[in-house]
C-alpha cells in the first residue's frame, strides 16, 4: 500500500484555511459567544448609544426666549451628543433671570450628574451655582458669561468671547469701508450683547467713522422694527445696521425696507433668513458662534469628565467662534441651516 501523503492543490488551500478558522471559533464559542452576547446586551441597555458608561443625567438651563431658532440648534447638538453618550438629557429655559435660577435649582433637586448653564446675567446666578458646587454637581457654562465661569466654579466655558467676536465684526466693517454704524441691542442688561457692540466699535475705528447703539425690545418685534426704521429716517448718515441675532436681523431687514434707504445690514448669528440674505446680498456678513457645537461639546465634555476626568481648554475657554460668513458661504450653509445644525 502506498504511503504517499495527500497534498491539497494550491487552489483548495484558502478554503481549508477558512474552515480551520471556523472550527477554531466554534471550539471557543462558550466564551467568545458569551462575550458577544454581553456586548449586545450592553448596547441594547444603552438604547443604541456608542458607549457603555452608566446612564447619567445631564440638565441644560438657558436664558432662551420662546421661538428662537438659535437655541433649537444648541439643543439639537446637545441631544445628539446625549444619544451617543448614553445620557438622559433634560432641557429647560426662561428669558427671565429669576425663573432661570429656579430651573437650575430644580435640576439640583433632581440630583443631576452634570449641569450646563448660560450666564447672560451672571451675577444673579452666583448663589444657585454655589449650591450646585456644594452638591458635587460638575458645571460647564455655555454661550454667555465667560467672565463669570471660573469665578462661579465651572469646569470650563464653551462659546465665543463676545468682545473678540465684536472686534471681528468691527474689522469686517472696516474692511468694507462702513462709515456710520447703528448697533442694535435687543436685550438691555445682557452683558454679551453690550460686549459685542463695544467690541465692534473698537474694531471698526476708521477716520471720521461714527458708531451708535440703539436699544430695542427683542420680545416685541413690531416695536423693534419701528424703532430701527425711525432711527434710519432721522439720521441719513447711517450706512450700516448691525444686529445681534438671527431673528433681529430679519426684523432689521424689514426696517431697512420701511426706511427706503440703501443701508447694509450685518449681523451676529445665523438663521434661514440670514442665509437667504447672504445669498441675495441683502445681508453683508454674519458672525457665527456655531451654537450646535456649544450644545454638543457641552454634553460630550461632561461625559468625558465623568467617564475619564478629561477637560478641554487648558484652563481657558473652549472657543466655538467667531467665524465670519459671507455670500461665498451661503450655498453650503443653506443645507445645514435647513437641518437645524447651523
Protein backbone atom coordinates (compact mmCIF):
# COMPACT_ATOMS: atom_id res chain seq x y z
CA UNK A 1 0.00 0.00 0.00
CA UNK A 2 1.35 3.39 -0.93
CA UNK A 3 2.47 5.67 1.90
CA UNK A 4 2.34 8.82 -0.22
CA UNK A 5 0.51 11.60 1.76
CA UNK A 6 -2.31 13.61 0.17
CA UNK A 7 -1.16 17.19 -0.52
CA UNK A 8 -4.02 19.58 -1.45
CA UNK A 9 -3.59 21.72 -4.51
CA UNK A 10 -2.98 25.44 -4.02
CA UNK A 11 -6.48 26.34 -5.14
CA UNK A 12 -8.01 24.46 -2.17
CA UNK A 13 -5.68 25.87 0.49
CA UNK A 14 -7.60 29.17 1.13
CA UNK A 15 -10.83 27.19 1.55
CA UNK A 16 -9.22 24.90 4.11
CA UNK A 17 -7.80 27.90 5.96
CA UNK A 18 -11.29 29.39 6.29
CA UNK A 19 -12.64 26.06 7.54
CA UNK A 20 -9.84 25.89 10.13
CA UNK A 21 -10.74 29.34 11.44
CA UNK A 22 -14.43 28.40 11.61
CA UNK A 23 -13.60 25.26 13.62
CA UNK A 24 -11.41 27.30 15.97
CA UNK A 25 -14.15 29.86 16.54
CA UNK A 26 -16.70 27.11 17.15
CA UNK A 27 -14.34 25.49 19.62
CA UNK A 28 -14.23 28.63 21.80
CA UNK A 29 -17.88 29.66 21.39
CA UNK A 30 -18.51 29.02 25.08
CA UNK A 31 -16.50 32.17 25.85
CA UNK A 32 -16.47 34.20 22.65
CA UNK A 33 -20.19 33.81 22.06
CA UNK A 34 -20.96 34.84 25.63
CA UNK A 35 -18.80 37.95 25.32
CA UNK A 36 -20.57 38.93 22.09
CA UNK A 37 -23.95 38.44 23.76
CA UNK A 38 -22.86 40.54 26.71
CA UNK A 39 -21.69 43.33 24.36
CA UNK A 40 -25.02 43.24 22.53
CA UNK A 41 -26.92 43.34 25.82
CA UNK A 42 -24.95 46.37 26.98
CA UNK A 43 -25.64 48.17 23.72
CA UNK A 44 -29.34 47.38 23.98
CA UNK A 45 -29.43 48.58 27.57
CA UNK A 46 -27.75 51.80 26.48
CA UNK A 47 -30.53 52.49 23.99
CA UNK A 48 -28.29 52.25 20.96
CA UNK A 49 -25.61 54.61 22.33
CA UNK A 50 -21.99 54.34 21.30
CA UNK A 51 -20.73 53.79 24.86
CA UNK A 52 -21.43 51.51 27.81
CA UNK A 53 -20.95 54.00 30.65
CA UNK A 54 -23.74 54.41 33.23
CA UNK A 55 -26.96 56.22 32.29
CA UNK A 56 -26.04 59.65 33.65
CA UNK A 57 -28.47 62.58 33.72
CA UNK A 58 -27.42 66.00 32.40
CA UNK A 59 -29.53 69.17 32.58
CA UNK A 60 -29.16 72.25 30.40
CA UNK A 61 -30.75 75.50 31.57
CA UNK A 62 -30.59 78.51 29.24
CA UNK A 63 -31.86 82.08 29.12
CA UNK A 64 -33.55 81.43 25.78
CA UNK A 65 -36.82 83.14 25.00
CA UNK A 66 -39.63 81.47 23.04
CA UNK A 67 -39.31 80.81 19.31
CA UNK A 68 -35.59 81.50 18.82
CA UNK A 69 -34.16 79.00 16.30
CA UNK A 70 -30.65 79.67 17.61
CA UNK A 71 -31.46 77.70 20.75
CA UNK A 72 -33.05 74.90 18.74
CA UNK A 73 -29.61 74.38 17.23
CA UNK A 74 -27.93 74.38 20.66
CA UNK A 75 -30.45 71.85 21.90
CA UNK A 76 -30.13 69.63 18.83
CA UNK A 77 -26.37 69.41 19.33
CA UNK A 78 -26.84 68.51 22.99
CA UNK A 79 -29.45 65.86 22.21
CA UNK A 80 -27.27 64.20 19.57
CA UNK A 81 -24.30 64.07 21.94
CA UNK A 82 -26.54 62.69 24.70
CA UNK A 83 -27.79 59.90 22.43
CA UNK A 84 -24.21 58.95 21.63
CA UNK A 85 -23.06 59.12 25.26
CA UNK A 86 -25.92 57.17 26.90
CA UNK A 87 -27.10 60.29 28.73
CA UNK A 88 -30.58 61.30 29.78
CA UNK A 89 -30.81 64.92 28.66
CA UNK A 90 -33.08 67.45 30.35
CA UNK A 91 -33.63 70.87 28.77
CA UNK A 92 -35.33 73.93 30.24
CA UNK A 93 -35.20 77.65 29.51
CA UNK A 94 -36.57 81.01 30.58
CA UNK A 95 -35.67 84.52 29.47
CA UNK A 96 -36.44 85.85 32.97
CA UNK A 97 -33.30 85.53 35.08
CA UNK A 98 -35.08 84.68 38.33
CA UNK A 99 -37.00 81.91 36.58
CA UNK A 100 -33.74 80.57 35.17
CA UNK A 101 -32.35 80.46 38.72
CA UNK A 102 -35.36 78.40 39.80
CA UNK A 103 -34.86 75.99 36.89
CA UNK A 104 -31.23 75.47 37.92
CA UNK A 105 -32.40 74.79 41.48
CA UNK A 106 -34.90 72.25 40.13
CA UNK A 107 -32.07 70.45 38.31
CA UNK A 108 -30.04 70.37 41.54
CA UNK A 109 -33.04 68.95 43.39
CA UNK A 110 -33.28 66.19 40.76
CA UNK A 111 -29.67 65.25 41.62
CA UNK A 112 -28.46 65.51 38.04
CA UNK A 113 -24.98 64.21 37.24
CA UNK A 114 -23.96 67.31 35.30
CA UNK A 115 -25.23 70.80 34.57
CA UNK A 116 -24.90 73.11 31.57
CA UNK A 117 -25.97 76.70 32.12
CA UNK A 118 -25.86 80.08 30.36
CA UNK A 119 -24.89 83.22 32.26
CA UNK A 120 -26.41 86.10 30.29
CA UNK A 121 -26.88 87.99 33.57
CA UNK A 122 -24.13 86.30 35.51
CA UNK A 123 -24.26 87.88 38.97
CA UNK A 124 -27.80 86.65 39.52
CA UNK A 125 -26.66 83.02 39.05
CA UNK A 126 -23.86 83.04 41.64
CA UNK A 127 -25.80 81.70 44.62
CA UNK A 128 -27.53 78.84 42.85
CA UNK A 129 -24.33 77.70 41.14
CA UNK A 130 -22.65 77.68 44.56
CA UNK A 131 -25.37 75.21 45.60
CA UNK A 132 -24.59 73.04 42.59
CA UNK A 133 -20.93 73.02 43.53
CA UNK A 134 -21.78 72.13 47.14
CA UNK A 135 -23.89 69.23 45.87
CA UNK A 136 -20.92 67.90 43.89
CA UNK A 137 -22.53 68.53 40.50
CA UNK A 138 -19.99 69.38 37.78
CA UNK A 139 -20.96 72.55 35.90
CA UNK A 140 -19.97 73.78 32.45
CA UNK A 141 -21.13 77.18 31.26
CA UNK A 142 -22.02 77.68 27.62
CA UNK A 143 -22.77 80.53 25.24
CA UNK A 144 -22.69 83.54 27.58
CA UNK A 145 -20.98 84.64 30.77
CA UNK A 146 -17.43 83.56 30.05
CA UNK A 147 -16.12 86.14 32.51
CA UNK A 148 -18.16 84.58 35.34
CA UNK A 149 -17.49 80.93 34.55
CA UNK A 150 -14.32 80.20 36.55
CA UNK A 151 -15.39 82.55 39.35
CA UNK A 152 -18.56 80.51 39.85
CA UNK A 153 -16.66 77.21 39.93
CA UNK A 154 -17.47 75.92 36.44
CA UNK A 155 -15.10 73.38 34.87
CA UNK A 156 -14.84 75.48 31.71
CA UNK A 157 -16.81 77.69 29.35
CA UNK A 158 -17.81 76.75 25.80
CA UNK A 159 -18.70 79.52 23.38
CA UNK A 160 -17.16 82.63 21.96
CA UNK A 161 -15.61 85.61 23.70
CA UNK A 162 -18.14 88.29 22.88
CA UNK A 163 -15.66 91.17 22.84
CA UNK A 164 -13.46 89.17 20.47
CA UNK A 165 -16.48 88.44 18.27
CA UNK A 166 -17.36 92.12 18.28
CA UNK A 167 -13.83 93.05 17.26
CA UNK A 168 -14.01 90.55 14.40
CA UNK A 169 -17.24 92.19 13.25
CA UNK A 170 -15.62 95.63 13.56
CA UNK A 171 -12.66 94.57 11.47
CA UNK A 172 -15.01 93.28 8.78
CA UNK A 173 -16.97 96.54 8.88
CA UNK A 174 -13.73 98.47 8.46
CA UNK A 175 -12.65 96.31 5.54
CA UNK A 176 -15.97 97.13 3.86
CA UNK A 177 -15.47 100.86 4.41
CA UNK A 178 -18.57 101.33 6.56
CA UNK A 179 -18.62 104.86 7.99
CA UNK A 180 -21.69 105.10 10.23
CA UNK A 181 -22.86 102.01 12.13
CA UNK A 182 -26.02 101.54 14.17
CA UNK A 183 -25.62 98.59 16.59
CA UNK A 184 -28.99 97.26 17.82
CA UNK A 185 -29.11 95.76 21.33
CA UNK A 186 -32.36 93.84 21.79
CA UNK A 187 -31.96 92.77 25.43
CA UNK A 188 -30.91 95.56 27.76
CA UNK A 189 -28.67 94.32 30.56
CA UNK A 190 -27.36 91.35 28.55
CA UNK A 191 -23.61 91.60 29.10
CA UNK A 192 -22.74 89.64 25.97
CA UNK A 193 -24.70 91.98 23.72
CA UNK A 194 -23.04 95.03 25.24
CA UNK A 195 -19.66 93.40 24.63
CA UNK A 196 -20.49 92.68 21.00
CA UNK A 197 -21.34 96.31 20.31
CA UNK A 198 -18.38 97.74 22.21
CA UNK A 199 -16.04 95.24 20.55
CA UNK A 200 -17.39 96.17 17.12
CA UNK A 201 -16.88 99.83 17.89
CA UNK A 202 -13.27 99.29 18.94
CA UNK A 203 -12.57 97.11 15.91
CA UNK A 204 -14.11 99.42 13.31
CA UNK A 205 -12.24 102.64 14.11
CA UNK A 206 -11.98 104.34 10.74
CA UNK A 207 -11.10 108.03 10.36
CA UNK A 208 -14.33 110.01 10.61
CA UNK A 209 -16.47 106.92 11.31
CA UNK A 210 -19.34 107.07 13.81
CA UNK A 211 -20.85 104.30 15.92
CA UNK A 212 -24.21 104.43 17.69
CA UNK A 213 -26.11 101.98 19.92
CA UNK A 214 -29.89 101.61 19.76
CA UNK A 215 -31.81 99.70 22.46
CA UNK A 216 -34.98 97.93 21.38
CA UNK A 217 -37.31 95.34 22.90
CA UNK A 218 -36.42 92.00 21.33
CA UNK A 219 -39.63 90.42 22.61
CA UNK A 220 -41.73 92.96 20.69
CA UNK A 221 -40.52 92.71 17.09
CA UNK A 222 -43.03 95.21 15.58
CA UNK A 223 -41.84 97.88 18.02
CA UNK A 224 -38.20 96.99 17.35
CA UNK A 225 -38.81 97.27 13.60
CA UNK A 226 -40.42 100.68 14.02
CA UNK A 227 -37.61 101.94 16.26
CA UNK A 228 -34.87 100.93 13.79
CA UNK A 229 -36.77 102.41 10.85
CA UNK A 230 -37.35 105.69 12.70
CA UNK A 231 -33.64 105.94 13.54
CA UNK A 232 -32.67 105.37 9.91
CA UNK A 233 -35.09 108.05 8.76
CA UNK A 234 -33.87 110.51 11.40
CA UNK A 235 -30.17 110.01 10.62
CA UNK A 236 -29.41 109.78 6.90
CA UNK A 237 -25.69 109.33 7.58
CA UNK A 238 -26.18 105.76 8.88
CA UNK A 239 -24.95 103.32 6.24
CA UNK A 240 -24.94 100.10 8.28
CA UNK A 241 -27.23 98.34 10.75
CA UNK A 242 -25.53 95.71 12.92
CA UNK A 243 -27.92 93.31 14.68
CA UNK A 244 -27.00 90.75 17.32
CA UNK A 245 -29.17 87.74 16.46
CA UNK A 246 -30.73 85.94 13.51
CA UNK A 247 -34.34 86.90 14.37
CA UNK A 248 -33.36 90.54 14.92
CA UNK A 249 -31.56 90.52 11.57
CA UNK A 250 -34.85 89.58 9.88
CA UNK A 251 -36.56 92.46 11.70
CA UNK A 252 -33.70 94.79 10.77
CA UNK A 253 -34.11 93.92 7.09
CA UNK A 254 -37.79 94.85 7.31
CA UNK A 255 -36.87 98.16 8.99
CA UNK A 256 -34.38 98.97 6.23
CA UNK A 257 -37.09 98.36 3.65
CA UNK A 258 -39.52 100.54 5.61
CA UNK A 259 -36.98 103.39 5.72
CA UNK A 260 -36.41 103.11 1.95
CA UNK A 261 -32.69 103.51 2.44
CA UNK A 262 -29.66 101.89 0.84
CA UNK A 263 -28.28 100.55 4.11
CA UNK A 264 -26.18 97.42 4.59
CA UNK A 265 -27.38 95.01 7.26
CA UNK A 266 -24.80 92.83 9.02
CA UNK A 267 -25.47 90.52 11.93
CA UNK A 268 -24.30 88.09 14.55
CA UNK A 269 -25.64 84.53 14.35
CA UNK A 270 -27.39 82.65 11.56
CA UNK A 271 -30.89 81.63 10.57
CA UNK A 272 -32.81 80.76 7.43
CA UNK A 273 -33.46 84.40 6.56
CA UNK A 274 -29.87 85.40 7.29
CA UNK A 275 -28.52 82.76 4.93
CA UNK A 276 -31.06 83.81 2.28
CA UNK A 277 -29.91 87.40 2.83
CA UNK A 278 -26.27 86.44 2.42
CA UNK A 279 -27.12 84.74 -0.84
CA UNK A 280 -29.15 87.67 -2.19
CA UNK A 281 -26.75 90.33 -0.92
CA UNK A 282 -29.25 91.99 1.45
CA UNK A 283 -27.05 90.79 4.35
CA UNK A 284 -23.37 91.69 4.07
CA UNK A 285 -21.88 89.23 6.55
CA UNK A 286 -22.74 87.17 9.61
CA UNK A 287 -20.61 86.42 12.67
CA UNK A 288 -21.31 82.79 13.59
CA UNK A 289 -20.59 81.26 17.00
CA UNK A 290 -21.67 77.71 15.98
CA UNK A 291 -24.42 77.06 18.55
CA UNK A 292 -24.74 73.39 17.60
CA UNK A 293 -21.17 72.91 18.82
CA UNK A 294 -21.93 74.60 22.12
CA UNK A 295 -24.66 72.07 22.89
CA UNK A 296 -22.80 69.06 21.51
CA UNK A 297 -19.46 69.81 23.14
CA UNK A 298 -21.12 70.78 26.41
CA UNK A 299 -22.77 67.38 26.85
CA UNK A 300 -19.84 65.44 25.41
CA UNK A 301 -17.34 67.21 27.65
CA UNK A 302 -19.38 66.44 30.76
CA UNK A 303 -19.41 62.78 29.67
CA UNK A 304 -15.64 62.85 29.15
CA UNK A 305 -15.18 64.40 32.58
CA UNK A 306 -17.44 61.86 34.29
CA UNK A 307 -16.00 58.86 32.48
CA UNK A 308 -12.32 59.77 32.24
CA UNK A 309 -11.72 63.05 34.14
CA UNK A 310 -10.93 64.77 30.83
CA UNK A 311 -11.22 68.52 30.29
CA UNK A 312 -10.54 70.70 27.27
CA UNK A 313 -9.16 74.21 27.12
CA UNK A 314 -6.13 74.00 29.40
CA UNK A 315 -7.82 76.31 31.89
CA UNK A 316 -9.08 78.64 29.19
CA UNK A 317 -12.49 78.79 27.50
CA UNK A 318 -13.22 76.47 24.58
CA UNK A 319 -13.91 78.73 21.60
CA UNK A 320 -16.62 77.90 19.05
CA UNK A 321 -16.37 81.27 17.28
CA UNK A 322 -16.22 83.82 15.85
CA UNK A 323 -16.44 82.78 12.23
CA UNK A 324 -17.15 85.43 9.58
CA UNK A 325 -19.53 84.13 6.89
CA UNK A 326 -20.33 85.92 3.63
CA UNK A 327 -22.13 85.39 0.34
CA UNK A 328 -19.41 82.93 -0.66
CA UNK A 329 -20.59 80.58 2.11
CA UNK A 330 -24.33 80.88 1.53
CA UNK A 331 -24.92 77.87 -0.75
CA UNK A 332 -23.12 75.44 1.56
CA UNK A 333 -24.76 76.90 4.67
CA UNK A 334 -28.32 76.56 3.37
CA UNK A 335 -28.34 72.77 3.72
CA UNK A 336 -27.02 72.83 7.28
CA UNK A 337 -29.37 75.60 8.42
CA UNK A 338 -32.31 73.66 6.96
CA UNK A 339 -31.45 70.61 9.06
CA UNK A 340 -31.02 72.76 12.17
CA UNK A 341 -27.32 72.29 12.84
CA UNK A 342 -26.09 75.78 11.78
